[in-house]
C-alpha atoms as a PDB file:
ATOM      1  CA  MET A   1       0.000   0.000   0.000  1.00  0.00           C
ATOM      2  CA  LEU A   2       1.614   3.244  -1.157  1.00  0.00           C
ATOM      3  CA  PHE A   3       0.398   6.829  -1.302  1.00  0.00           C
ATOM      4  CA  SER A   4       1.244   8.914  -4.330  1.00  0.00           C
ATOM      5  CA  PRO A   5       0.177  12.368  -5.542  1.00  0.00           C
ATOM      6  CA  SER A   6      -1.965  12.139  -8.661  1.00  0.00           C
ATOM      7  CA  THR A   7      -0.089  14.789 -10.615  1.00  0.00           C
ATOM      8  CA  ASN A   8       1.977  12.598 -12.961  1.00  0.00           C
ATOM      9  CA  LEU A   9      -0.336   9.768 -13.966  1.00  0.00           C
ATOM     10  CA  GLU A  10       1.831   9.075 -17.008  1.00  0.00           C
ATOM     11  CA  GLU A  11       4.508   7.701 -14.672  1.00  0.00           C
ATOM     12  CA  PHE A  12       2.391   4.536 -14.428  1.00  0.00           C
ATOM     13  CA  LEU A  13       2.405   4.086 -18.219  1.00  0.00           C
ATOM     14  CA  THR A  14       6.019   4.542 -19.168  1.00  0.00           C
ATOM     15  CA  ARG A  15       9.392   4.371 -17.480  1.00  0.00           C
ATOM     16  CA  SER A  16      10.526   7.535 -19.253  1.00  0.00           C
ATOM     17  CA  LYS A  17       8.636   9.609 -16.646  1.00  0.00           C
ATOM     18  CA  THR A  18       9.860   8.713 -13.195  1.00  0.00           C
ATOM     19  CA  GLY A  19       7.404  10.812 -11.174  1.00  0.00           C
ATOM     20  CA  PHE A  20       7.086  10.786  -7.389  1.00  0.00           C
ATOM     21  CA  TRP A  21       8.326   7.231  -6.705  1.00  0.00           C
ATOM     22  CA  GLY A  22      11.076   7.160  -9.326  1.00  0.00           C
ATOM     23  CA  GLU A  23      12.057   3.645 -10.374  1.00  0.00           C
ATOM     24  CA  LEU A  24      10.556   1.990  -7.300  1.00  0.00           C
ATOM     25  CA  LYS A  25       7.473   0.907  -9.248  1.00  0.00           C
ATOM     26  CA  TYR A  26       9.565  -1.278 -11.527  1.00  0.00           C
ATOM     27  CA  LEU A  27      12.006  -2.870  -9.055  1.00  0.00           C
ATOM     28  CA  HIS A  28      10.040  -6.108  -8.761  1.00  0.00           C
ATOM     29  CA  PRO A  29       7.258  -7.441 -11.045  1.00  0.00           C
ATOM     30  CA  LYS A  30       5.026  -8.376  -8.081  1.00  0.00           C
ATOM     31  CA  LEU A  31       5.169  -4.773  -6.874  1.00  0.00           C
ATOM     32  CA  LYS A  32       3.118  -3.777  -9.897  1.00  0.00           C
ATOM     33  CA  LEU A  33       0.277  -6.211  -9.251  1.00  0.00           C
ATOM     34  CA  ASN A  34       0.276  -6.752  -5.488  1.00  0.00           C
ATOM     35  CA  THR A  35       0.534  -3.139  -4.373  1.00  0.00           C
ATOM     36  CA  VAL A  36      -2.356  -0.706  -4.140  1.00  0.00           C
ATOM     37  CA  TRP A  37      -1.367   2.832  -5.103  1.00  0.00           C
ATOM     38  CA  PHE A  38      -3.592   5.282  -3.246  1.00  0.00           C
ATOM     39  CA  LEU A  39      -3.695   8.485  -5.279  1.00  0.00           C
ATOM     40  CA  ILE A  40      -3.936  11.713  -3.324  1.00  0.00           C
ATOM     41  CA  PRO A  41      -6.385  13.912  -5.256  1.00  0.00           C
ATOM     42  CA  ASN A  42      -4.764  16.699  -7.229  1.00  0.00           C
ATOM     43  CA  LYS A  43      -6.787  17.569 -10.313  1.00  0.00           C
ATOM     44  CA  PRO A  44      -5.008  19.760 -12.850  1.00  0.00           C
ATOM     45  CA  ARG A  45      -6.611  23.084 -13.773  1.00  0.00           C
ATOM     46  CA  GLY A  46      -8.578  23.347 -16.980  1.00  0.00           C
ATOM     47  CA  ILE A  47      -9.881  19.778 -16.928  1.00  0.00           C
ATOM     48  CA  SER A  48     -13.254  18.618 -15.641  1.00  0.00           C
ATOM     49  CA  HIS A  49     -13.700  15.966 -12.972  1.00  0.00           C
ATOM     50  CA  LEU A  50     -15.348  13.646 -15.506  1.00  0.00           C
ATOM     51  CA  GLU A  51     -12.463  14.032 -17.948  1.00  0.00           C
ATOM     52  CA  PHE A  52      -9.947  13.444 -15.174  1.00  0.00           C
ATOM     53  CA  SER A  53     -11.729  10.259 -14.047  1.00  0.00           C
ATOM     54  CA  LYS A  54     -11.751   8.989 -17.653  1.00  0.00           C
ATOM     55  CA  ILE A  55      -7.998   9.595 -17.917  1.00  0.00           C
ATOM     56  CA  LEU A  56      -7.452   7.850 -14.596  1.00  0.00           C
ATOM     57  CA  ARG A  57      -9.483   4.797 -15.641  1.00  0.00           C
ATOM     58  CA  LYS A  58      -7.666   4.609 -18.972  1.00  0.00           C
ATOM     59  CA  ILE A  59      -4.243   4.759 -17.334  1.00  0.00           C
ATOM     60  CA  SER A  60      -5.259   2.258 -14.649  1.00  0.00           C
ATOM     61  CA  HIS A  61      -6.470  -0.188 -17.297  1.00  0.00           C
ATOM     62  CA  ALA A  62      -3.491   0.275 -19.617  1.00  0.00           C
ATOM     63  CA  SER A  63      -0.824   0.048 -16.919  1.00  0.00           C
ATOM     64  CA  HIS A  64      -2.232  -2.837 -14.807  1.00  0.00           C
ATOM     65  CA  PHE A  65      -1.284  -0.951 -11.647  1.00  0.00           C
ATOM     66  CA  ALA A  66      -3.871  -1.064  -8.868  1.00  0.00           C
ATOM     67  CA  LEU A  67      -4.610   2.672  -8.766  1.00  0.00           C
ATOM     68  CA  PHE A  68      -7.082   3.713  -6.072  1.00  0.00           C
ATOM     69  CA  PRO A  69      -8.035   7.403  -6.080  1.00  0.00           C
ATOM     70  CA  LEU A  70      -8.838   8.681  -2.610  1.00  0.00           C
ATOM     71  CA  ALA A  71     -10.987  11.396  -4.185  1.00  0.00           C
ATOM     72  CA  GLN A  72     -13.721   8.863  -4.875  1.00  0.00           C
ATOM     73  CA  TYR A  73     -14.684   9.116  -1.227  1.00  0.00           C
ATOM     74  CA  PHE A  74     -15.499  12.805  -1.587  1.00  0.00           C
ATOM     75  CA  CYS A  75     -19.109  12.246  -2.622  1.00  0.00           C
ATOM     76  CA  LEU A  76     -22.167  13.790  -1.010  1.00  0.00           C
ATOM     77  CA  LYS A  77     -23.380  10.558   0.629  1.00  0.00           C
ATOM     78  CA  VAL A  78     -20.051   9.953   2.383  1.00  0.00           C
ATOM     79  CA  LEU A  79     -19.795  13.579   3.502  1.00  0.00           C
ATOM     80  CA  ILE A  80     -23.324  13.525   4.974  1.00  0.00           C
ATOM     81  CA  THR A  81     -22.624  10.238   6.780  1.00  0.00           C
ATOM     82  CA  THR A  82     -19.367  11.623   8.174  1.00  0.00           C
ATOM     83  CA  ILE A  83     -21.041  14.807   9.414  1.00  0.00           C
ATOM     84  CA  ARG A  84     -23.837  12.754  11.008  1.00  0.00           C
ATOM     85  CA  ASN A  85     -21.325  10.459  12.743  1.00  0.00           C
ATOM     86  CA  VAL A  86     -19.275  13.385  14.065  1.00  0.00           C
ATOM     87  CA  CYS A  87     -22.368  15.169  15.403  1.00  0.00           C
ATOM     88  CA  THR A  88     -23.656  11.966  17.012  1.00  0.00           C
ATOM     89  CA  TYR A  89     -20.290  11.374  18.667  1.00  0.00           C
ATOM     90  CA  HIS A  90     -20.101  14.928  20.021  1.00  0.00           C
ATOM     91  CA  PHE A  91     -23.663  14.698  21.322  1.00  0.00           C
ATOM     92  CA  PHE A  92     -22.785  11.432  23.087  1.00  0.00           C
ATOM     93  CA  VAL A  93     -19.639  12.915  24.668  1.00  0.00           C
ATOM     94  CA  SER A  94     -21.523  16.052  25.723  1.00  0.00           C
ATOM     95  CA  SER A  95     -24.231  13.968  27.405  1.00  0.00           C
ATOM     96  CA  LEU A  96     -21.578  11.956  29.295  1.00  0.00           C
ATOM     97  CA  ILE A  97     -19.890  15.145  30.515  1.00  0.00           C
ATOM     98  CA  ALA A  98     -23.257  16.607  31.551  1.00  0.00           C
ATOM     99  CA  ARG A  99     -24.092  13.440  33.531  1.00  0.00           C
ATOM    100  CA  PHE A 100     -20.698  13.514  35.208  1.00  0.00           C
ATOM    101  CA  PHE A 101     -21.142  17.074  36.473  1.00  0.00           C
END
């Protein structure tokens, strides 16, 4: 499991672009298939989110790297669930403190 910024996606297609991890991706053949590369979201300017996701899918399919964009968690359903869980937790802690005093 490795974390990598998603600025140079071409580094997963060709060895001519070394990118963030340099030659580490190609040291061992199993590293390519058995490692999940978590991509930290960094969308370039002037490109839509849909276009960027299409590029990401194309590169993931062509390179056979297990690319996992962390930005896919930034959807409305996950954000609402997270906010609900945080508020519920704080309400629970506040009620415990109130009972204690």
